[in-house]
């Protein structure tokens, strides 16, 4: 049996001292997270969806084009994890007559782009153009929007710090948006 020989170029493939290369999620993992998040909403798996949020996570849907501050200007939705929990409990409730039958939805996502990778601050930002359909009985609404996810890792799992949904015609008159885009 021959003596063990070093593998040429192994250090180029895997440098054990290159912590940055293994410390954050890959672009594919970020993209897969966004797709899974939309699928959970479409499947009404809202408790699992809520678990995707960090404890301080926020869901924001601006009312104005280019809105920069959810506190100084009214928003269509600006909900922390507690308010999201209350909304989900309401949607599941037997006395929520506006949800008999339940609303259904469908996300049609375009390719997710990773806009920012900041491993030092554990922050990753994605941008996803989409069409969203919500329906109940014979009513159906179609919305065109962009979803911006600000993600972080907590105990090795991706979590949502902020999900911002910008509806293209955000300043139009809307009916009730029952679910989550």
Protein backbone atom coordinates (compact mmCIF):
# COMPACT_ATOMS: atom_id res chain seq x y z
CA UNK A 1 0.00 0.00 0.00
CA UNK A 2 1.43 3.36 -1.07
CA UNK A 3 1.95 6.23 1.33
CA UNK A 4 -0.89 8.77 1.45
CA UNK A 5 -0.32 11.70 -0.84
CA UNK A 6 -1.81 15.21 -0.57
CA UNK A 7 -4.65 15.94 -2.95
CA UNK A 8 -3.63 18.73 -5.34
CA UNK A 9 -5.75 21.92 -5.16
CA UNK A 10 -7.72 20.69 -2.11
CA UNK A 11 -7.00 23.94 -0.29
CA UNK A 12 -8.52 25.84 -3.22
CA UNK A 13 -11.71 23.79 -2.97
CA UNK A 14 -12.05 23.85 0.82
CA UNK A 15 -10.09 26.26 2.94
CA UNK A 16 -10.79 25.38 6.59
CA UNK A 17 -9.92 28.95 7.62
CA UNK A 18 -12.40 30.58 5.23
CA UNK A 19 -15.25 30.99 7.73
CA UNK A 20 -17.12 33.46 5.49
CA UNK A 21 -17.59 30.76 2.87
CA UNK A 22 -19.58 28.57 5.26
CA UNK A 23 -21.07 31.05 7.73
CA UNK A 24 -24.10 32.25 5.80
CA UNK A 25 -26.83 30.69 3.71
CA UNK A 26 -26.24 30.24 0.00
CA UNK A 27 -28.21 32.22 -2.58
CA UNK A 28 -30.10 29.02 -3.41
CA UNK A 29 -31.05 28.53 0.25
CA UNK A 30 -32.35 32.11 0.38
CA UNK A 31 -34.36 31.57 -2.80
CA UNK A 32 -35.74 28.24 -1.56
CA UNK A 33 -36.81 29.93 1.67
CA UNK A 34 -38.84 32.57 -0.20
CA UNK A 35 -40.55 29.92 -2.34
CA UNK A 36 -41.34 27.77 0.71
CA UNK A 37 -42.73 30.78 2.57
CA UNK A 38 -45.21 31.50 -0.26
CA UNK A 39 -46.16 27.84 -0.49
CA UNK A 40 -47.00 27.70 3.22
CA UNK A 41 -49.39 30.63 2.82
CA UNK A 42 -51.01 29.08 -0.28
CA UNK A 43 -51.49 25.79 1.61
CA UNK A 44 -53.02 27.56 4.66
CA UNK A 45 -50.19 26.25 6.83
CA UNK A 46 -50.19 29.55 8.67
CA UNK A 47 -48.77 28.31 11.98
CA UNK A 48 -45.73 26.97 10.13
CA UNK A 49 -45.56 30.24 8.19
CA UNK A 50 -45.59 32.24 11.42
CA UNK A 51 -42.69 30.12 12.71
CA UNK A 52 -40.60 31.50 9.83
CA UNK A 53 -40.61 34.92 11.52
CA UNK A 54 -37.96 35.96 14.03
CA UNK A 55 -39.34 36.92 17.42
CA UNK A 56 -38.99 40.58 16.43
CA UNK A 57 -40.10 39.96 12.83
CA UNK A 58 -42.50 42.31 11.05
CA UNK A 59 -44.86 42.01 8.07
CA UNK A 60 -45.26 45.36 6.28
CA UNK A 61 -47.42 46.40 3.36
CA UNK A 62 -46.88 50.12 2.59
CA UNK A 63 -49.80 52.33 1.58
CA UNK A 64 -47.71 54.84 -0.36
CA UNK A 65 -45.33 54.35 -3.26
CA UNK A 66 -41.73 54.52 -2.01
CA UNK A 67 -42.81 54.72 1.62
CA UNK A 68 -39.78 54.65 3.91
CA UNK A 69 -41.27 54.67 7.41
CA UNK A 70 -44.21 52.54 8.55
CA UNK A 71 -44.70 54.56 11.72
CA UNK A 72 -44.96 58.07 10.26
CA UNK A 73 -47.29 57.12 7.40
CA UNK A 74 -50.31 54.83 7.41
CA UNK A 75 -49.75 51.35 5.98
CA UNK A 76 -52.08 48.73 4.55
CA UNK A 77 -50.55 46.35 7.11
CA UNK A 78 -47.79 46.71 9.67
CA UNK A 79 -47.89 43.74 12.00
CA UNK A 80 -45.40 42.31 14.44
CA UNK A 81 -45.41 38.65 15.42
CA UNK A 82 -48.09 39.18 18.08
CA UNK A 83 -50.49 40.81 15.62
CA UNK A 84 -49.74 38.12 13.02
CA UNK A 85 -50.58 35.48 15.63
CA UNK A 86 -53.90 37.19 16.41
CA UNK A 87 -54.75 37.44 12.70
CA UNK A 88 -53.99 33.75 12.17
CA UNK A 89 -56.09 32.74 15.18
CA UNK A 90 -58.96 34.85 13.80
CA UNK A 91 -58.64 33.18 10.38
CA UNK A 92 -58.82 29.74 12.03
CA UNK A 93 -61.73 30.63 14.31
CA UNK A 94 -65.20 29.07 14.01
CA UNK A 95 -66.84 32.46 14.55
CA UNK A 96 -65.01 34.15 11.69
CA UNK A 97 -68.00 34.29 9.40
CA UNK A 98 -66.15 36.31 6.77
CA UNK A 99 -64.08 33.15 6.23
CA UNK A 100 -66.91 30.72 5.54
CA UNK A 101 -65.89 29.42 3.11
CA UNK A 102 -62.23 30.20 3.60
CA UNK A 103 -60.38 32.52 1.28
CA UNK A 104 -57.82 30.82 -0.91
CA UNK A 105 -54.74 32.29 -2.49
CA UNK A 106 -52.01 31.61 -5.00
CA UNK A 107 -48.59 33.19 -5.34
CA UNK A 108 -46.98 33.27 -8.77
CA UNK A 109 -43.37 34.18 -8.06
CA UNK A 110 -40.81 35.36 -10.54
CA UNK A 111 -37.12 34.66 -9.99
CA UNK A 112 -35.95 35.75 -6.55
CA UNK A 113 -32.88 37.96 -6.53
CA UNK A 114 -30.47 38.27 -3.63
CA UNK A 115 -29.92 42.00 -3.20
CA UNK A 116 -27.72 41.99 -0.10
CA UNK A 117 -25.51 39.56 1.76
CA UNK A 118 -24.13 40.88 5.03
CA UNK A 119 -22.64 37.93 6.91
CA UNK A 120 -21.05 40.24 9.49
CA UNK A 121 -24.49 41.51 10.56
CA UNK A 122 -26.31 38.23 9.79
CA UNK A 123 -28.62 39.96 7.33
CA UNK A 124 -29.71 38.87 3.85
CA UNK A 125 -32.13 40.73 1.60
CA UNK A 126 -34.06 39.19 -1.30
CA UNK A 127 -36.41 40.79 -3.83
CA UNK A 128 -39.15 38.83 -5.59
CA UNK A 129 -41.63 40.17 -8.14
CA UNK A 130 -44.94 38.34 -7.98
CA UNK A 131 -48.60 38.13 -8.85
CA UNK A 132 -50.91 37.21 -6.01
CA UNK A 133 -54.49 36.00 -6.39
CA UNK A 134 -56.95 35.83 -3.52
CA UNK A 135 -60.38 34.32 -4.00
CA UNK A 136 -63.53 33.59 -2.02
CA UNK A 137 -66.84 32.49 -3.55
CA UNK A 138 -67.00 34.07 -7.00
CA UNK A 139 -64.81 37.05 -6.15
CA UNK A 140 -61.19 37.05 -7.19
CA UNK A 141 -58.61 39.78 -6.75
CA UNK A 142 -55.30 39.93 -8.59
CA UNK A 143 -52.43 41.96 -7.24
CA UNK A 144 -49.03 42.65 -8.77
CA UNK A 145 -46.37 43.23 -6.14
CA UNK A 146 -42.77 42.94 -5.03
CA UNK A 147 -41.82 41.10 -1.86
CA UNK A 148 -38.64 42.14 -0.11
CA UNK A 149 -37.50 39.72 2.58
CA UNK A 150 -34.92 40.78 5.13
CA UNK A 151 -33.71 37.49 6.56
CA UNK A 152 -31.43 36.44 9.38
CA UNK A 153 -30.28 33.14 10.81
CA UNK A 154 -31.31 32.11 14.31
CA UNK A 155 -29.87 28.86 15.66
CA UNK A 156 -28.90 27.86 12.13
CA UNK A 157 -32.37 28.49 10.63
CA UNK A 158 -33.42 31.30 8.33
CA UNK A 159 -35.97 33.66 9.88
CA UNK A 160 -37.83 36.71 8.59
CA UNK A 161 -36.86 40.01 10.22
CA UNK A 162 -38.98 41.99 7.78
CA UNK A 163 -41.27 41.01 4.96
CA UNK A 164 -42.21 44.08 2.94
CA UNK A 165 -44.84 43.69 0.22
CA UNK A 166 -45.13 46.63 -2.17
CA UNK A 167 -48.30 46.43 -4.25
CA UNK A 168 -47.83 48.11 -7.61
CA UNK A 169 -51.04 50.13 -7.24
CA UNK A 170 -50.72 50.51 -3.46
CA UNK A 171 -52.61 53.80 -3.47
CA UNK A 172 -55.76 52.31 -5.04
CA UNK A 173 -58.95 51.54 -3.14
CA UNK A 174 -58.85 47.92 -1.96
CA UNK A 175 -61.38 45.54 -0.53
CA UNK A 176 -60.37 43.37 2.39
CA UNK A 177 -57.13 41.50 1.90
CA UNK A 178 -57.81 38.45 4.05
CA UNK A 179 -54.58 36.45 3.80
CA UNK A 180 -50.92 37.28 3.40
CA UNK A 181 -49.11 38.14 0.20
